[in-house]
Amino acid sequence: MWNARNKYGRGVMERIARETGGLEFDAAEERNLKAAFAQIGEILRSSYDLAYASTAGSGDDTFRKIQIRTRQPGLAVRHKTGYFARKD
C-alpha cells in the first residue's frame, strides 16, 4: 500500500523522468526489475542521439524550451523539455 511519502516520491520521479526525457521504473519487485531491464535494453538498441547548437549567441541564464516532432506518425520521441542557456 502506498503512503503519502511514497506517492510524493513517485510523483517526483515521474516529473524528473518526464522533464529529462527519461523513464521511471518501479523496482519494488524482482519481476518488475527484470522487465525494466529488458525494456531499457530494447530502448538502448533502438534509440538515436541528436545534438543541437543554438544560433542565439551567448547564454543569458534563461530556460530555453525544446520541442521535437517527427514527420512520420506513430513514432515516439522522448527528450528534455529544455535547457538553461548559461553565460560563458
PDB file of N, CA and C in Angstrom:
ATOM      1  N   MET A   1       0.842  -1.192   0.000  1.00  0.00           N
ATOM      2  CA  MET A   1       0.000   0.000   0.000  1.00  0.00           C
ATOM      3  C   MET A   1       0.885   1.252   0.000  1.00  0.00           C
ATOM      4  N   TRP A   2       0.505   2.200  -0.778  1.00  0.00           N
ATOM      5  CA  TRP A   2       1.269   3.438  -0.901  1.00  0.00           C
ATOM      6  C   TRP A   2       0.877   4.417   0.210  1.00  0.00           C
ATOM      7  N   ASN A   3       1.879   4.965   0.908  1.00  0.00           N
ATOM      8  CA  ASN A   3       1.591   6.026   1.859  1.00  0.00           C
ATOM      9  C   ASN A   3       1.880   7.367   1.186  1.00  0.00           C
ATOM     10  N   ALA A   4       1.601   8.458   1.883  1.00  0.00           N
ATOM     11  CA  ALA A   4       1.748   9.792   1.285  1.00  0.00           C
ATOM     12  C   ALA A   4       3.179  10.074   0.846  1.00  0.00           C
ATOM     13  N   ARG A   5       4.148   9.630   1.648  1.00  0.00           N
ATOM     14  CA  ARG A   5       5.556   9.873   1.304  1.00  0.00           C
ATOM     15  C   ARG A   5       5.940   9.133   0.026  1.00  0.00           C
ATOM     16  N   ASN A   6       5.509   7.877  -0.096  1.00  0.00           N
ATOM     17  CA  ASN A   6       5.816   7.106  -1.298  1.00  0.00           C
ATOM     18  C   ASN A   6       5.141   7.701  -2.529  1.00  0.00           C
ATOM     19  N   LYS A   7       3.895   8.141  -2.386  1.00  0.00           N
ATOM     20  CA  LYS A   7       3.187   8.754  -3.517  1.00  0.00           C
ATOM     21  C   LYS A   7       3.896  10.029  -3.955  1.00  0.00           C
ATOM     22  N   TYR A   8       4.347  10.829  -2.988  1.00  0.00           N
ATOM     23  CA  TYR A   8       5.072  12.058  -3.319  1.00  0.00           C
ATOM     24  C   TYR A   8       6.366  11.722  -4.057  1.00  0.00           C
ATOM     25  N   GLY A   9       7.126  10.767  -3.521  1.00  0.00           N
ATOM     26  CA  GLY A   9       8.388  10.374  -4.146  1.00  0.00           C
ATOM     27  C   GLY A   9       8.182   9.845  -5.548  1.00  0.00           C
ATOM     28  N   ARG A  10       7.144   9.058  -5.744  1.00  0.00           N
ATOM     29  CA  ARG A  10       6.835   8.520  -7.078  1.00  0.00           C
ATOM     30  C   ARG A  10       6.511   9.651  -8.041  1.00  0.00           C
ATOM     31  N   GLY A  11       5.738  10.623  -7.564  1.00  0.00           N
ATOM     32  CA  GLY A  11       5.399  11.779  -8.398  1.00  0.00           C
ATOM     33  C   GLY A  11       6.626  12.575  -8.792  1.00  0.00           C
ATOM     34  N   VAL A  12       7.557  12.733  -7.857  1.00  0.00           N
ATOM     35  CA  VAL A  12       8.802  13.463  -8.143  1.00  0.00           C
ATOM     36  C   VAL A  12       9.602  12.724  -9.205  1.00  0.00           C
ATOM     37  N   MET A  13       9.726  11.413  -9.064  1.00  0.00           N
ATOM     38  CA  MET A  13      10.477  10.625 -10.042  1.00  0.00           C
ATOM     39  C   MET A  13       9.828  10.683 -11.421  1.00  0.00           C
ATOM     40  N   GLU A  14       8.503  10.631 -11.478  1.00  0.00           N
ATOM     41  CA  GLU A  14       7.804  10.740 -12.760  1.00  0.00           C
ATOM     42  C   GLU A  14       8.063  12.095 -13.412  1.00  0.00           C
ATOM     43  N   ARG A  15       8.051  13.171 -12.597  1.00  0.00           N
ATOM     44  CA  ARG A  15       8.293  14.519 -13.130  1.00  0.00           C
ATOM     45  C   ARG A  15       9.723  14.650 -13.642  1.00  0.00           C
ATOM     46  N   ILE A  16      10.698  14.157 -12.874  1.00  0.00           N
ATOM     47  CA  ILE A  16      12.098  14.237 -13.300  1.00  0.00           C
ATOM     48  C   ILE A  16      12.299  13.467 -14.604  1.00  0.00           C
ATOM     49  N   ALA A  17      11.719  12.291 -14.683  1.00  0.00           N
ATOM     50  CA  ALA A  17      11.841  11.489 -15.907  1.00  0.00           C
ATOM     51  C   ALA A  17      11.224  12.218 -17.091  1.00  0.00           C
ATOM     52  N   ARG A  18      10.044  12.785 -16.906  1.00  0.00           N
ATOM     53  CA  ARG A  18       9.353  13.482 -17.997  1.00  0.00           C
ATOM     54  C   ARG A  18      10.156  14.695 -18.466  1.00  0.00           C
ATOM     55  N   GLU A  19      10.696  15.472 -17.529  1.00  0.00           N
ATOM     56  CA  GLU A  19      11.412  16.697 -17.890  1.00  0.00           C
ATOM     57  C   GLU A  19      12.784  16.443 -18.498  1.00  0.00           C
ATOM     58  N   THR A  20      13.355  15.292 -18.246  1.00  0.00           N
ATOM     59  CA  THR A  20      14.694  14.992 -18.774  1.00  0.00           C
ATOM     60  C   THR A  20      14.665  14.035 -19.952  1.00  0.00           C
ATOM     61  N   GLY A  21      13.467  13.614 -20.355  1.00  0.00           N
ATOM     62  CA  GLY A  21      13.358  12.706 -21.482  1.00  0.00           C
ATOM     63  C   GLY A  21      13.590  11.258 -21.112  1.00  0.00           C
ATOM     64  N   GLY A  22      13.584  10.964 -19.829  1.00  0.00           N
ATOM     65  CA  GLY A  22      13.825   9.602 -19.371  1.00  0.00           C
ATOM     66  C   GLY A  22      12.535   8.862 -19.045  1.00  0.00           C
ATOM     67  N   LEU A  23      12.693   7.722 -18.416  1.00  0.00           N
ATOM     68  CA  LEU A  23      11.581   6.908 -17.945  1.00  0.00           C
ATOM     69  C   LEU A  23      11.821   6.565 -16.489  1.00  0.00           C
ATOM     70  N   GLU A  24      10.752   6.264 -15.779  1.00  0.00           N
ATOM     71  CA  GLU A  24      10.907   5.788 -14.413  1.00  0.00           C
ATOM     72  C   GLU A  24      10.383   4.367 -14.338  1.00  0.00           C
ATOM     73  N   PHE A  25      11.059   3.561 -13.523  1.00  0.00           N
ATOM     74  CA  PHE A  25      10.697   2.159 -13.369  1.00  0.00           C
ATOM     75  C   PHE A  25      10.491   1.849 -11.900  1.00  0.00           C
ATOM     76  N   ASP A  26       9.534   0.983 -11.596  1.00  0.00           N
ATOM     77  CA  ASP A  26       9.268   0.539 -10.234  1.00  0.00           C
ATOM     78  C   ASP A  26      10.072  -0.728  -9.980  1.00  0.00           C
ATOM     79  N   ALA A  27      11.061  -0.650  -9.107  1.00  0.00           N
ATOM     80  CA  ALA A  27      11.938  -1.790  -8.835  1.00  0.00           C
ATOM     81  C   ALA A  27      11.576  -2.475  -7.524  1.00  0.00           C
ATOM     82  N   ALA A  28      10.341  -2.326  -7.075  1.00  0.00           N
ATOM     83  CA  ALA A  28       9.932  -2.894  -5.792  1.00  0.00           C
ATOM     84  C   ALA A  28       9.896  -4.419  -5.813  1.00  0.00           C
ATOM     85  N   GLU A  29       9.613  -5.014  -6.952  1.00  0.00           N
ATOM     86  CA  GLU A  29       9.538  -6.471  -7.047  1.00  0.00           C
ATOM     87  C   GLU A  29      10.513  -6.962  -8.110  1.00  0.00           C
ATOM     88  N   GLU A  30      11.077  -8.145  -7.875  1.00  0.00           N
ATOM     89  CA  GLU A  30      12.090  -8.680  -8.790  1.00  0.00           C
ATOM     90  C   GLU A  30      11.550  -8.834 -10.208  1.00  0.00           C
ATOM     91  N   ARG A  31      10.304  -9.272 -10.358  1.00  0.00           N
ATOM     92  CA  ARG A  31       9.753  -9.453 -11.715  1.00  0.00           C
ATOM     93  C   ARG A  31       9.640  -8.110 -12.433  1.00  0.00           C
ATOM     94  N   ASN A  32       9.336  -7.043 -11.702  1.00  0.00           N
ATOM     95  CA  ASN A  32       9.301  -5.710 -12.311  1.00  0.00           C
ATOM     96  C   ASN A  32      10.699  -5.273 -12.735  1.00  0.00           C
ATOM     97  N   LEU A  33      11.686  -5.629 -11.931  1.00  0.00           N
ATOM     98  CA  LEU A  33      13.061  -5.244 -12.228  1.00  0.00           C
ATOM     99  C   LEU A  33      13.563  -5.931 -13.497  1.00  0.00           C
ATOM    100  N   LYS A  34      13.259  -7.212 -13.643  1.00  0.00           N
ATOM    101  CA  LYS A  34      13.667  -7.932 -14.849  1.00  0.00           C
ATOM    102  C   LYS A  34      13.005  -7.334 -16.085  1.00  0.00           C
ATOM    103  N   ALA A  35      11.726  -7.024 -15.986  1.00  0.00           N
ATOM    104  CA  ALA A  35      11.012  -6.414 -17.112  1.00  0.00           C
ATOM    105  C   ALA A  35      11.576  -5.028 -17.427  1.00  0.00           C
ATOM    106  N   ALA A  36      11.941  -4.275 -16.377  1.00  0.00           N
ATOM    107  CA  ALA A  36      12.505  -2.937 -16.580  1.00  0.00           C
ATOM    108  C   ALA A  36      13.829  -3.008 -17.332  1.00  0.00           C
ATOM    109  N   PHE A  37      14.698  -3.954 -16.946  1.00  0.00           N
ATOM    110  CA  PHE A  37      15.981  -4.085 -17.635  1.00  0.00           C
ATOM    111  C   PHE A  37      15.797  -4.541 -19.081  1.00  0.00           C
ATOM    112  N   ALA A  38      14.819  -5.390 -19.319  1.00  0.00           N
ATOM    113  CA  ALA A  38      14.533  -5.807 -20.696  1.00  0.00           C
ATOM    114  C   ALA A  38      14.067  -4.614 -21.522  1.00  0.00           C
ATOM    115  N   GLN A  39      13.209  -3.771 -20.941  1.00  0.00           N
ATOM    116  CA  GLN A  39      12.715  -2.584 -21.647  1.00  0.00           C
ATOM    117  C   GLN A  39      13.853  -1.587 -21.881  1.00  0.00           C
ATOM    118  N   ILE A  40      14.711  -1.395 -20.888  1.00  0.00           N
ATOM    119  CA  ILE A  40      15.848  -0.486 -21.048  1.00  0.00           C
ATOM    120  C   ILE A  40      16.759  -0.967 -22.170  1.00  0.00           C
ATOM    121  N   GLY A  41      17.018  -2.272 -22.236  1.00  0.00           N
ATOM    122  CA  GLY A  41      17.844  -2.822 -23.305  1.00  0.00           C
ATOM    123  C   GLY A  41      17.240  -2.575 -24.672  1.00  0.00           C
ATOM    124  N   GLU A  42      15.945  -2.753 -24.790  1.00  0.00           N
ATOM    125  CA  GLU A  42      15.259  -2.506 -26.065  1.00  0.00           C
ATOM    126  C   GLU A  42      15.340  -1.029 -26.462  1.00  0.00           C
ATOM    127  N   ILE A  43      15.153  -0.159 -25.501  1.00  0.00           N
ATOM    128  CA  ILE A  43      15.234   1.287 -25.765  1.00  0.00           C
ATOM    129  C   ILE A  43      16.634   1.662 -26.245  1.00  0.00           C
ATOM    130  N   LEU A  44      17.662   1.144 -25.578  1.00  0.00           N
ATOM    131  CA  LEU A  44      19.036   1.474 -25.961  1.00  0.00           C
ATOM    132  C   LEU A  44      19.392   0.952 -27.350  1.00  0.00           C
ATOM    133  N   ARG A  45      18.819  -0.174 -27.736  1.00  0.00           N
ATOM    134  CA  ARG A  45      19.098  -0.722 -29.070  1.00  0.00           C
ATOM    135  C   ARG A  45      18.356   0.017 -30.185  1.00  0.00           C
ATOM    136  N   SER A  46      17.354   0.794 -29.840  1.00  0.00           N
ATOM    137  CA  SER A  46      16.549   1.441 -30.881  1.00  0.00           C
ATOM    138  C   SER A  46      16.454   2.949 -30.693  1.00  0.00           C
ATOM    139  N   SER A  47      17.465   3.553 -30.098  1.00  0.00           N
ATOM    140  CA  SER A  47      17.410   4.997 -29.864  1.00  0.00           C
ATOM    141  C   SER A  47      18.476   5.729 -30.679  1.00  0.00           C
ATOM    142  N   TYR A  48      18.265   7.011 -30.841  1.00  0.00           N
ATOM    143  CA  TYR A  48      19.192   7.881 -31.555  1.00  0.00           C
ATOM    144  C   TYR A  48      19.495   9.079 -30.679  1.00  0.00           C
ATOM    145  N   ASP A  49      20.672   9.639 -30.835  1.00  0.00           N
ATOM    146  CA  ASP A  49      21.055  10.859 -30.139  1.00  0.00           C
ATOM    147  C   ASP A  49      21.121  11.991 -31.143  1.00  0.00           C
ATOM    148  N   LEU A  50      20.613  13.138 -30.754  1.00  0.00           N
ATOM    149  CA  LEU A  50      20.687  14.337 -31.581  1.00  0.00           C
ATOM    150  C   LEU A  50      21.463  15.401 -30.831  1.00  0.00           C
ATOM    151  N   ALA A  51      22.193  16.222 -31.555  1.00  0.00           N
ATOM    152  CA  ALA A  51      22.922  17.333 -30.945  1.00  0.00           C
ATOM    153  C   ALA A  51      22.360  18.634 -31.514  1.00  0.00           C
ATOM    154  N   TYR A  52      22.450  19.674 -30.729  1.00  0.00           N
ATOM    155  CA  TYR A  52      21.909  20.962 -31.131  1.00  0.00           C
ATOM    156  C   TYR A  52      22.853  22.058 -30.655  1.00  0.00           C
ATOM    157  N   ALA A  53      23.126  23.016 -31.511  1.00  0.00           N
ATOM    158  CA  ALA A  53      23.909  24.194 -31.143  1.00  0.00           C
ATOM    159  C   ALA A  53      23.072  25.424 -31.465  1.00  0.00           C
ATOM    160  N   SER A  54      22.798  26.213 -30.456  1.00  0.00           N
ATOM    161  CA  SER A  54      21.957  27.395 -30.631  1.00  0.00           C
ATOM    162  C   SER A  54      22.677  28.448 -31.470  1.00  0.00           C
ATOM    163  N   THR A  55      21.916  29.143 -32.275  1.00  0.00           N
ATOM    164  CA  THR A  55      22.458  30.260 -33.058  1.00  0.00           C
ATOM    165  C   THR A  55      22.184  31.589 -32.371  1.00  0.00           C
ATOM    166  N   ALA A  56      21.623  31.532 -31.164  1.00  0.00           N
ATOM    167  CA  ALA A  56      21.224  32.747 -30.449  1.00  0.00           C
ATOM    168  C   ALA A  56      22.376  33.452 -29.752  1.00  0.00           C
ATOM    169  N   GLY A  57      23.582  32.962 -29.883  1.00  0.00           N
ATOM    170  CA  GLY A  57      24.716  33.627 -29.248  1.00  0.00           C
ATOM    171  C   GLY A  57      24.929  33.145 -27.825  1.00  0.00           C
ATOM    172  N   SER A  58      25.640  33.961 -27.039  1.00  0.00           N
ATOM    173  CA  SER A  58      25.967  33.541 -25.677  1.00  0.00           C
ATOM    174  C   SER A  58      24.725  33.467 -24.805  1.00  0.00           C
ATOM    175  N   GLY A  59      24.840  32.708 -23.752  1.00  0.00           N
ATOM    176  CA  GLY A  59      23.709  32.476 -22.877  1.00  0.00           C
ATOM    177  C   GLY A  59      23.359  33.675 -22.014  1.00  0.00           C
ATOM    178  N   ASP A  60      22.125  33.684 -21.564  1.00  0.00           N
ATOM    179  CA  ASP A  60      21.649  34.742 -20.687  1.00  0.00           C
ATOM    180  C   ASP A  60      21.018  34.171 -19.423  1.00  0.00           C
ATOM    181  N   ASP A  61      21.371  32.914 -19.092  1.00  0.00           N
ATOM    182  CA  ASP A  61      20.862  32.205 -17.915  1.00  0.00           C
ATOM    183  C   ASP A  61      19.350  31.984 -17.931  1.00  0.00           C
ATOM    184  N   THR A  62      18.730  32.038 -19.087  1.00  0.00           N
ATOM    185  CA  THR A  62      17.290  31.770 -19.170  1.00  0.00           C
ATOM    186  C   THR A  62      17.060  30.316 -19.585  1.00  0.00           C
ATOM    187  N   PHE A  63      15.857  29.842 -19.314  1.00  0.00           N
ATOM    188  CA  PHE A  63      15.472  28.494 -19.713  1.00  0.00           C
ATOM    189  C   PHE A  63      14.910  28.555 -21.123  1.00  0.00           C
ATOM    190  N   ARG A  64      15.465  27.771 -22.008  1.00  0.00           N
ATOM    191  CA  ARG A  64      15.007  27.732 -23.398  1.00  0.00           C
ATOM    192  C   ARG A  64      14.320  26.397 -23.651  1.00  0.00           C
ATOM    193  N   LYS A  65      13.081  26.457 -24.093  1.00  0.00           N
ATOM    194  CA  LYS A  65      12.306  25.250 -24.327  1.00  0.00           C
ATOM    195  C   LYS A  65      12.724  24.558 -25.614  1.00  0.00           C
ATOM    196  N   ILE A  66      12.582  23.229 -25.612  1.00  0.00           N
ATOM    197  CA  ILE A  66      12.882  22.418 -26.780  1.00  0.00           C
ATOM    198  C   ILE A  66      11.614  21.677 -27.175  1.00  0.00           C
ATOM    199  N   GLN A  67      11.342  21.637 -28.468  1.00  0.00           N
ATOM    200  CA  GLN A  67      10.221  20.852 -28.972  1.00  0.00           C
ATOM    201  C   GLN A  67      10.713  20.049 -30.175  1.00  0.00           C
ATOM    202  N   ILE A  68      10.527  18.738 -30.118  1.00  0.00           N
ATOM    203  CA  ILE A  68      10.959  17.866 -31.202  1.00  0.00           C
ATOM    204  C   ILE A  68       9.743  17.113 -31.717  1.00  0.00           C
ATOM    205  N   ARG A  69       9.563  17.141 -33.031  1.00  0.00           N
ATOM    206  CA  ARG A  69       8.432  16.446 -33.665  1.00  0.00           C
ATOM    207  C   ARG A  69       8.966  15.554 -34.772  1.00  0.00           C
ATOM    208  N   THR A  70       8.184  14.531 -35.096  1.00  0.00           N
ATOM    209  CA  THR A  70       8.550  13.660 -36.204  1.00  0.00           C
ATOM    210  C   THR A  70       7.622  13.902 -37.378  1.00  0.00           C
ATOM    211  N   ARG A  71       8.102  13.633 -38.554  1.00  0.00           N
ATOM    212  CA  ARG A  71       7.252  13.724 -39.738  1.00  0.00           C
ATOM    213  C   ARG A  71       6.421  12.463 -39.918  1.00  0.00           C
ATOM    214  N   GLN A  72       6.932  11.353 -39.394  1.00  0.00           N
ATOM    215  CA  GLN A  72       6.252  10.070 -39.544  1.00  0.00           C
ATOM    216  C   GLN A  72       5.358   9.813 -38.325  1.00  0.00           C
ATOM    217  N   PRO A  73       4.061   9.627 -38.544  1.00  0.00           N
ATOM    218  CA  PRO A  73       3.177   9.363 -37.415  1.00  0.00           C
ATOM    219  C   PRO A  73       3.483   8.021 -36.759  1.00  0.00           C
ATOM    220  N   GLY A  74       3.188   7.928 -35.470  1.00  0.00           N
ATOM    221  CA  GLY A  74       3.362   6.685 -34.746  1.00  0.00           C
ATOM    222  C   GLY A  74       4.714   6.509 -34.084  1.00  0.00           C
ATOM    223  N   LEU A  75       5.648   7.423 -34.309  1.00  0.00           N
ATOM    224  CA  LEU A  75       6.953   7.336 -33.667  1.00  0.00           C
ATOM    225  C   LEU A  75       6.904   8.022 -32.304  1.00  0.00           C
ATOM    226  N   ALA A  76       7.615   7.483 -31.347  1.00  0.00           N
ATOM    227  CA  ALA A  76       7.684   8.074 -30.012  1.00  0.00           C
ATOM    228  C   ALA A  76       8.979   8.857 -29.874  1.00  0.00           C
ATOM    229  N   VAL A  77       8.885  10.031 -29.281  1.00  0.00           N
ATOM    230  CA  VAL A  77      10.061  10.866 -29.057  1.00  0.00           C
ATOM    231  C   VAL A  77      10.089  11.251 -27.578  1.00  0.00           C
ATOM    232  N   ARG A  78      11.213  10.970 -26.930  1.00  0.00           N
ATOM    233  CA  ARG A  78      11.429  11.424 -25.558  1.00  0.00           C
ATOM    234  C   ARG A  78      12.624  12.358 -25.587  1.00  0.00           C
ATOM    235  N   HIS A  79      12.463  13.502 -24.953  1.00  0.00           N
ATOM    236  CA  HIS A  79      13.551  14.473 -24.942  1.00  0.00           C
ATOM    237  C   HIS A  79      13.404  15.388 -23.738  1.00  0.00           C
ATOM    238  N   LYS A  80      14.470  16.109 -23.453  1.00  0.00           N
ATOM    239  CA  LYS A  80      14.414  17.099 -22.391  1.00  0.00           C
ATOM    240  C   LYS A  80      13.400  18.168 -22.776  1.00  0.00           C
ATOM    241  N   THR A  81      12.831  18.819 -21.786  1.00  0.00           N
ATOM    242  CA  THR A  81      11.871  19.884 -22.080  1.00  0.00           C
ATOM    243  C   THR A  81      12.579  21.184 -22.440  1.00  0.00           C
ATOM    244  N   GLY A  82      13.877  21.275 -22.164  1.00  0.00           N
ATOM    245  CA  GLY A  82      14.628  22.473 -22.495  1.00  0.00           C
ATOM    246  C   GLY A  82      15.981  22.466 -21.799  1.00  0.00           C
ATOM    247  N   TYR A  83      16.623  23.621 -21.798  1.00  0.00           N
ATOM    248  CA  TYR A  83      17.937  23.746 -21.184  1.00  0.00           C
ATOM    249  C   TYR A  83      18.146  25.176 -20.729  1.00  0.00           C
ATOM    250  N   PHE A  84      19.080  25.367 -19.817  1.00  0.00           N
ATOM    251  CA  PHE A  84      19.434  26.711 -19.359  1.00  0.00           C
ATOM    252  C   PHE A  84      20.602  27.201 -20.191  1.00  0.00           C
ATOM    253  N   ALA A  85      20.452  28.376 -20.789  1.00  0.00           N
ATOM    254  CA  ALA A  85      21.500  28.977 -21.621  1.00  0.00           C
ATOM    255  C   ALA A  85      22.480  29.700 -20.676  1.00  0.00           C
ATOM    256  N   ARG A  86      23.468  28.976 -20.238  1.00  0.00           N
ATOM    257  CA  ARG A  86      24.440  29.514 -19.270  1.00  0.00           C
ATOM    258  C   ARG A  86      25.358  30.549 -19.916  1.00  0.00           C
ATOM    259  N   LYS A  87      25.696  31.549 -19.127  1.00  0.00           N
ATOM    260  CA  LYS A  87      26.660  32.551 -19.590  1.00  0.00           C
ATOM    261  C   LYS A  87      28.031  31.913 -19.685  1.00  0.00           C
ATOM    262  N   ASP A  88      28.809  32.351 -20.645  1.00  0.00           N
ATOM    263  CA  ASP A  88      30.179  31.804 -20.818  1.00  0.00           C
ATOM    264  C   ASP A  88      31.095  32.248 -19.726  1.00  0.00           C
TER     265      ASP A  88
END
